[in-house]
PDB file of N, CA and C in Angstrom:
ATOM      1  N   MET A   1     -72.108  63.034  92.615  1.00  0.00           N
ATOM      2  CA  MET A   1     -72.741  61.817  92.127  1.00  0.00           C
ATOM      3  C   MET A   1     -72.211  60.616  92.914  1.00  0.00           C
ATOM      4  N   GLU A   2     -73.131  59.794  93.384  1.00  0.00           N
ATOM      5  CA  GLU A   2     -72.759  58.638  94.197  1.00  0.00           C
ATOM      6  C   GLU A   2     -72.240  57.501  93.318  1.00  0.00           C
ATOM      7  N   ALA A   3     -71.190  56.851  93.774  1.00  0.00           N
ATOM      8  CA  ALA A   3     -70.621  55.734  93.027  1.00  0.00           C
ATOM      9  C   ALA A   3     -71.566  54.539  93.073  1.00  0.00           C
ATOM     10  N   LYS A   4     -71.659  53.859  91.953  1.00  0.00           N
ATOM     11  CA  LYS A   4     -72.443  52.622  91.888  1.00  0.00           C
ATOM     12  C   LYS A   4     -71.564  51.500  92.420  1.00  0.00           C
ATOM     13  N   PHE A   5     -72.197  50.493  92.991  1.00  0.00           N
ATOM     14  CA  PHE A   5     -71.384  49.388  93.473  1.00  0.00           C
ATOM     15  C   PHE A   5     -72.096  48.059  93.327  1.00  0.00           C
ATOM     16  N   ILE A   6     -71.294  47.021  93.283  1.00  0.00           N
ATOM     17  CA  ILE A   6     -71.777  45.646  93.261  1.00  0.00           C
ATOM     18  C   ILE A   6     -71.433  45.057  94.622  1.00  0.00           C
ATOM     19  N   SER A   7     -72.380  44.372  95.202  1.00  0.00           N
ATOM     20  CA  SER A   7     -72.167  43.762  96.508  1.00  0.00           C
ATOM     21  C   SER A   7     -72.091  42.246  96.366  1.00  0.00           C
ATOM     22  N   ASN A   8     -71.027  41.669  96.872  1.00  0.00           N
ATOM     23  CA  ASN A   8     -70.866  40.216  96.880  1.00  0.00           C
ATOM     24  C   ASN A   8     -71.098  39.642  98.273  1.00  0.00           C
ATOM     25  N   ILE A   9     -71.807  40.382  99.116  1.00  0.00           N
ATOM     26  CA  ILE A   9     -72.035  39.930 100.491  1.00  0.00           C
ATOM     27  C   ILE A   9     -72.719  38.566 100.515  1.00  0.00           C
ATOM     28  N   LYS A  10     -73.749  38.404  99.712  1.00  0.00           N
ATOM     29  CA  LYS A  10     -74.524  37.169  99.773  1.00  0.00           C
ATOM     30  C   LYS A  10     -73.631  35.944  99.557  1.00  0.00           C
ATOM     31  N   GLN A  11     -72.773  35.988  98.529  1.00  0.00           N
ATOM     32  CA  GLN A  11     -71.911  34.848  98.228  1.00  0.00           C
ATOM     33  C   GLN A  11     -70.977  34.539  99.398  1.00  0.00           C
ATOM     34  N   TYR A  12     -70.339  35.575  99.943  1.00  0.00           N
ATOM     35  CA  TYR A  12     -69.399  35.365 101.042  1.00  0.00           C
ATOM     36  C   TYR A  12     -70.116  34.990 102.334  1.00  0.00           C
ATOM     37  N   ARG A  13     -71.312  35.518 102.530  1.00  0.00           N
ATOM     38  CA  ARG A  13     -72.101  35.164 103.712  1.00  0.00           C
ATOM     39  C   ARG A  13     -72.491  33.684 103.647  1.00  0.00           C
ATOM     40  N   GLN A  14     -72.896  33.229 102.468  1.00  0.00           N
ATOM     41  CA  GLN A  14     -73.270  31.829 102.308  1.00  0.00           C
ATOM     42  C   GLN A  14     -72.053  30.909 102.484  1.00  0.00           C
ATOM     43  N   LEU A  15     -70.908  31.340 101.977  1.00  0.00           N
ATOM     44  CA  LEU A  15     -69.683  30.557 102.167  1.00  0.00           C
ATOM     45  C   LEU A  15     -69.346  30.413 103.651  1.00  0.00           C
ATOM     46  N   ALA A  16     -69.701  31.421 104.425  1.00  0.00           N
ATOM     47  CA  ALA A  16     -69.458  31.399 105.873  1.00  0.00           C
ATOM     48  C   ALA A  16     -70.582  30.685 106.631  1.00  0.00           C
ATOM     49  N   ASN A  17     -71.538  30.115 105.881  1.00  0.00           N
ATOM     50  CA  ASN A  17     -72.688  29.424 106.488  1.00  0.00           C
ATOM     51  C   ASN A  17     -73.399  30.310 107.514  1.00  0.00           C
ATOM     52  N   MET A  18     -73.668  31.542 107.099  1.00  0.00           N
ATOM     53  CA  MET A  18     -74.270  32.521 107.984  1.00  0.00           C
ATOM     54  C   MET A  18     -75.583  33.017 107.366  1.00  0.00           C
ATOM     55  N   THR A  19     -76.599  33.188 108.191  1.00  0.00           N
ATOM     56  CA  THR A  19     -77.856  33.762 107.704  1.00  0.00           C
ATOM     57  C   THR A  19     -77.737  35.287 107.674  1.00  0.00           C
ATOM     58  N   GLN A  20     -78.688  35.923 107.004  1.00  0.00           N
ATOM     59  CA  GLN A  20     -78.723  37.386 107.005  1.00  0.00           C
ATOM     60  C   GLN A  20     -78.873  37.892 108.432  1.00  0.00           C
ATOM     61  N   GLU A  21     -79.701  37.236 109.205  1.00  0.00           N
ATOM     62  CA  GLU A  21     -79.940  37.641 110.596  1.00  0.00           C
ATOM     63  C   GLU A  21     -78.658  37.538 111.421  1.00  0.00           C
ATOM     64  N   GLU A  22     -77.917  36.453 111.254  1.00  0.00           N
ATOM     65  CA  GLU A  22     -76.673  36.271 112.010  1.00  0.00           C
ATOM     66  C   GLU A  22     -75.650  37.341 111.661  1.00  0.00           C
ATOM     67  N   LEU A  23     -75.511  37.628 110.373  1.00  0.00           N
ATOM     68  CA  LEU A  23     -74.569  38.671 109.962  1.00  0.00           C
ATOM     69  C   LEU A  23     -75.006  40.019 110.520  1.00  0.00           C
ATOM     70  N   ALA A  24     -76.288  40.307 110.427  1.00  0.00           N
ATOM     71  CA  ALA A  24     -76.819  41.575 110.939  1.00  0.00           C
ATOM     72  C   ALA A  24     -76.499  41.739 112.425  1.00  0.00           C
ATOM     73  N   GLU A  25     -76.711  40.682 113.196  1.00  0.00           N
ATOM     74  CA  GLU A  25     -76.434  40.746 114.636  1.00  0.00           C
ATOM     75  C   GLU A  25     -74.960  41.009 114.909  1.00  0.00           C
ATOM     76  N   LYS A  26     -74.080  40.389 114.136  1.00  0.00           N
ATOM     77  CA  LYS A  26     -72.640  40.531 114.359  1.00  0.00           C
ATOM     78  C   LYS A  26     -72.124  41.933 114.022  1.00  0.00           C
ATOM     79  N   VAL A  27     -72.793  42.615 113.073  1.00  0.00           N
ATOM     80  CA  VAL A  27     -72.341  43.968 112.698  1.00  0.00           C
ATOM     81  C   VAL A  27     -73.285  45.056 113.234  1.00  0.00           C
ATOM     82  N   PHE A  28     -74.215  44.634 114.105  1.00  0.00           N
ATOM     83  CA  PHE A  28     -75.096  45.577 114.808  1.00  0.00           C
ATOM     84  C   PHE A  28     -75.983  46.416 113.891  1.00  0.00           C
ATOM     85  N   VAL A  29     -76.598  45.738 112.901  1.00  0.00           N
ATOM     86  CA  VAL A  29     -77.594  46.392 112.044  1.00  0.00           C
ATOM     87  C   VAL A  29     -78.820  45.484 111.987  1.00  0.00           C
ATOM     88  N   ARG A  30     -79.892  45.978 111.376  1.00  0.00           N
ATOM     89  CA  ARG A  30     -81.094  45.150 111.196  1.00  0.00           C
ATOM     90  C   ARG A  30     -80.908  44.247 109.981  1.00  0.00           C
ATOM     91  N   ARG A  31     -81.646  43.152 109.955  1.00  0.00           N
ATOM     92  CA  ARG A  31     -81.565  42.223 108.824  1.00  0.00           C
ATOM     93  C   ARG A  31     -81.923  42.933 107.519  1.00  0.00           C
ATOM     94  N   GLU A  32     -82.841  43.875 107.579  1.00  0.00           N
ATOM     95  CA  GLU A  32     -83.246  44.622 106.387  1.00  0.00           C
ATOM     96  C   GLU A  32     -82.062  45.361 105.761  1.00  0.00           C
ATOM     97  N   THR A  33     -81.134  45.803 106.583  1.00  0.00           N
ATOM     98  CA  THR A  33     -79.942  46.480 106.070  1.00  0.00           C
ATOM     99  C   THR A  33     -79.108  45.502 105.256  1.00  0.00           C
ATOM    100  N   ILE A  34     -78.970  44.271 105.738  1.00  0.00           N
ATOM    101  CA  ILE A  34     -78.219  43.252 105.002  1.00  0.00           C
ATOM    102  C   ILE A  34     -78.929  42.933 103.686  1.00  0.00           C
ATOM    103  N   VAL A  35     -80.255  42.836 103.727  1.00  0.00           N
ATOM    104  CA  VAL A  35     -81.035  42.586 102.507  1.00  0.00           C
ATOM    105  C   VAL A  35     -80.750  43.675 101.475  1.00  0.00           C
ATOM    106  N   ARG A  36     -80.788  44.927 101.902  1.00  0.00           N
ATOM    107  CA  ARG A  36     -80.552  46.060 100.986  1.00  0.00           C
ATOM    108  C   ARG A  36     -79.112  46.079 100.481  1.00  0.00           C
ATOM    109  N   LEU A  37     -78.165  45.739 101.353  1.00  0.00           N
ATOM    110  CA  LEU A  37     -76.765  45.673 100.929  1.00  0.00           C
ATOM    111  C   LEU A  37     -76.567  44.579  99.890  1.00  0.00           C
ATOM    112  N   GLU A  38     -77.160  43.418 100.121  1.00  0.00           N
ATOM    113  CA  GLU A  38     -77.007  42.310  99.181  1.00  0.00           C
ATOM    114  C   GLU A  38     -77.609  42.637  97.821  1.00  0.00           C
ATOM    115  N   ALA A  39     -78.635  43.469  97.809  1.00  0.00           N
ATOM    116  CA  ALA A  39     -79.286  43.868  96.559  1.00  0.00           C
ATOM    117  C   ALA A  39     -78.629  45.101  95.937  1.00  0.00           C
ATOM    118  N   SER A  40     -77.526  45.560  96.532  1.00  0.00           N
ATOM    119  CA  SER A  40     -76.818  46.769  96.081  1.00  0.00           C
ATOM    120  C   SER A  40     -77.733  47.994  96.078  1.00  0.00           C
ATOM    121  N   LYS A  41     -78.654  48.042  97.040  1.00  0.00           N
ATOM    122  CA  LYS A  41     -79.593  49.166  97.150  1.00  0.00           C
ATOM    123  C   LYS A  41     -79.183  50.140  98.251  1.00  0.00           C
ATOM    124  N   TYR A  42     -78.099  49.824  98.941  1.00  0.00           N
ATOM    125  CA  TYR A  42     -77.678  50.645 100.067  1.00  0.00           C
ATOM    126  C   TYR A  42     -76.157  50.724 100.060  1.00  0.00           C
ATOM    127  N   ASN A  43     -75.642  51.936 100.089  1.00  0.00           N
ATOM    128  CA  ASN A  43     -74.206  52.164 100.098  1.00  0.00           C
ATOM    129  C   ASN A  43     -73.748  52.202 101.556  1.00  0.00           C
ATOM    130  N   PRO A  44     -72.942  51.229 101.985  1.00  0.00           N
ATOM    131  CA  PRO A  44     -72.591  51.158 103.403  1.00  0.00           C
ATOM    132  C   PRO A  44     -71.606  52.234 103.825  1.00  0.00           C
ATOM    133  N   SER A  45     -71.650  52.559 105.108  1.00  0.00           N
ATOM    134  CA  SER A  45     -70.623  53.432 105.664  1.00  0.00           C
ATOM    135  C   SER A  45     -69.304  52.665 105.639  1.00  0.00           C
ATOM    136  N   LEU A  46     -68.214  53.375 105.750  1.00  0.00           N
ATOM    137  CA  LEU A  46     -66.905  52.723 105.779  1.00  0.00           C
ATOM    138  C   LEU A  46     -66.807  51.778 106.967  1.00  0.00           C
ATOM    139  N   LYS A  47     -67.297  52.194 108.122  1.00  0.00           N
ATOM    140  CA  LYS A  47     -67.242  51.345 109.307  1.00  0.00           C
ATOM    141  C   LYS A  47     -68.018  50.051 109.094  1.00  0.00           C
ATOM    142  N   LEU A  48     -69.223  50.150 108.535  1.00  0.00           N
ATOM    143  CA  LEU A  48     -70.034  48.959 108.298  1.00  0.00           C
ATOM    144  C   LEU A  48     -69.356  48.039 107.282  1.00  0.00           C
ATOM    145  N   ALA A  49     -68.801  48.603 106.222  1.00  0.00           N
ATOM    146  CA  ALA A  49     -68.104  47.796 105.217  1.00  0.00           C
ATOM    147  C   ALA A  49     -66.919  47.055 105.838  1.00  0.00           C
ATOM    148  N   ILE A  50     -66.164  47.749 106.685  1.00  0.00           N
ATOM    149  CA  ILE A  50     -65.018  47.119 107.362  1.00  0.00           C
ATOM    150  C   ILE A  50     -65.494  46.028 108.314  1.00  0.00           C
ATOM    151  N   ASP A  51     -66.550  46.299 109.070  1.00  0.00           N
ATOM    152  CA  ASP A  51     -67.076  45.305 110.004  1.00  0.00           C
ATOM    153  C   ASP A  51     -67.527  44.043 109.264  1.00  0.00           C
ATOM    154  N   ILE A  52     -68.226  44.214 108.152  1.00  0.00           N
ATOM    155  CA  ILE A  52     -68.676  43.069 107.358  1.00  0.00           C
ATOM    156  C   ILE A  52     -67.479  42.303 106.817  1.00  0.00           C
ATOM    157  N   SER A  53     -66.502  43.024 106.323  1.00  0.00           N
ATOM    158  CA  SER A  53     -65.284  42.408 105.799  1.00  0.00           C
ATOM    159  C   SER A  53     -64.597  41.563 106.861  1.00  0.00           C
ATOM    160  N   ARG A  54     -64.502  42.080 108.065  1.00  0.00           N
ATOM    161  CA  ARG A  54     -63.847  41.343 109.155  1.00  0.00           C
ATOM    162  C   ARG A  54     -64.636  40.099 109.552  1.00  0.00           C
ATOM    163  N   ILE A  55     -65.959  40.236 109.667  1.00  0.00           N
ATOM    164  CA  ILE A  55     -66.791  39.099 110.058  1.00  0.00           C
ATOM    165  C   ILE A  55     -66.724  38.002 108.997  1.00  0.00           C
ATOM    166  N   LEU A  56     -66.754  38.395 107.723  1.00  0.00           N
ATOM    167  CA  LEU A  56     -66.722  37.407 106.636  1.00  0.00           C
ATOM    168  C   LEU A  56     -65.300  36.980 106.288  1.00  0.00           C
ATOM    169  N   GLN A  57     -64.320  37.578 106.953  1.00  0.00           N
ATOM    170  CA  GLN A  57     -62.903  37.258 106.741  1.00  0.00           C
ATOM    171  C   GLN A  57     -62.533  37.298 105.254  1.00  0.00           C
ATOM    172  N   THR A  58     -62.960  38.396 104.627  1.00  0.00           N
ATOM    173  CA  THR A  58     -62.754  38.597 103.193  1.00  0.00           C
ATOM    174  C   THR A  58     -62.343  40.044 102.965  1.00  0.00           C
ATOM    175  N   PRO A  59     -61.360  40.286 102.097  1.00  0.00           N
ATOM    176  CA  PRO A  59     -60.974  41.676 101.821  1.00  0.00           C
ATOM    177  C   PRO A  59     -62.170  42.513 101.369  1.00  0.00           C
ATOM    178  N   ILE A  60     -62.223  43.719 101.874  1.00  0.00           N
ATOM    179  CA  ILE A  60     -63.335  44.619 101.571  1.00  0.00           C
ATOM    180  C   ILE A  60     -63.519  44.814 100.063  1.00  0.00           C
ATOM    181  N   GLU A  61     -62.405  44.854  99.322  1.00  0.00           N
ATOM    182  CA  GLU A  61     -62.504  45.081  97.876  1.00  0.00           C
ATOM    183  C   GLU A  61     -63.055  43.873  97.123  1.00  0.00           C
ATOM    184  N   ASP A  62     -63.119  42.703  97.781  1.00  0.00           N
ATOM    185  CA  ASP A  62     -63.756  41.537  97.170  1.00  0.00           C
ATOM    186  C   ASP A  62     -65.255  41.518  97.441  1.00  0.00           C
ATOM    187  N   ILE A  63     -65.651  42.144  98.523  1.00  0.00           N
ATOM    188  CA  ILE A  63     -67.073  42.173  98.895  1.00  0.00           C
ATOM    189  C   ILE A  63     -67.800  43.306  98.184  1.00  0.00           C
ATOM    190  N   PHE A  64     -67.192  44.490  98.166  1.00  0.00           N
ATOM    191  CA  PHE A  64     -67.802  45.659  97.548  1.00  0.00           C
ATOM    192  C   PHE A  64     -66.962  46.105  96.362  1.00  0.00           C
ATOM    193  N   ILE A  65     -67.567  46.093  95.179  1.00  0.00           N
ATOM    194  CA  ILE A  65     -66.857  46.516  93.984  1.00  0.00           C
ATOM    195  C   ILE A  65     -67.512  47.816  93.523  1.00  0.00           C
ATOM    196  N   PHE A  66     -66.742  48.907  93.635  1.00  0.00           N
ATOM    197  CA  PHE A  66     -67.261  50.226  93.273  1.00  0.00           C
ATOM    198  C   PHE A  66     -66.878  50.610  91.858  1.00  0.00           C
ATOM    199  N   ASP A  67     -67.838  51.211  91.159  1.00  0.00           N
ATOM    200  CA  ASP A  67     -67.624  51.676  89.791  1.00  0.00           C
ATOM    201  C   ASP A  67     -67.952  53.174  89.772  1.00  0.00           C
ATOM    202  N   SER A  68     -66.910  54.008  89.702  1.00  0.00           N
ATOM    203  CA  SER A  68     -67.143  55.453  89.821  1.00  0.00           C
ATOM    204  C   SER A  68     -67.637  56.090  88.569  1.00  0.00           C
TER     205      SER A  68
END
């Protein structure tokens, strides 16, 4: 069973004054992937989660909250 998660990407992305497109380009995904992540409709790979965390300069556990 896949863990449910809450994504706080949108809040941290906005704090960084970054568009979905800009974040997508920096982590090498399509903007649609960021849209799905922000809506908690897509469970990111560990690499993608780490990349987003680094770009947003926010601990990964603050961006993605998993509920097993």
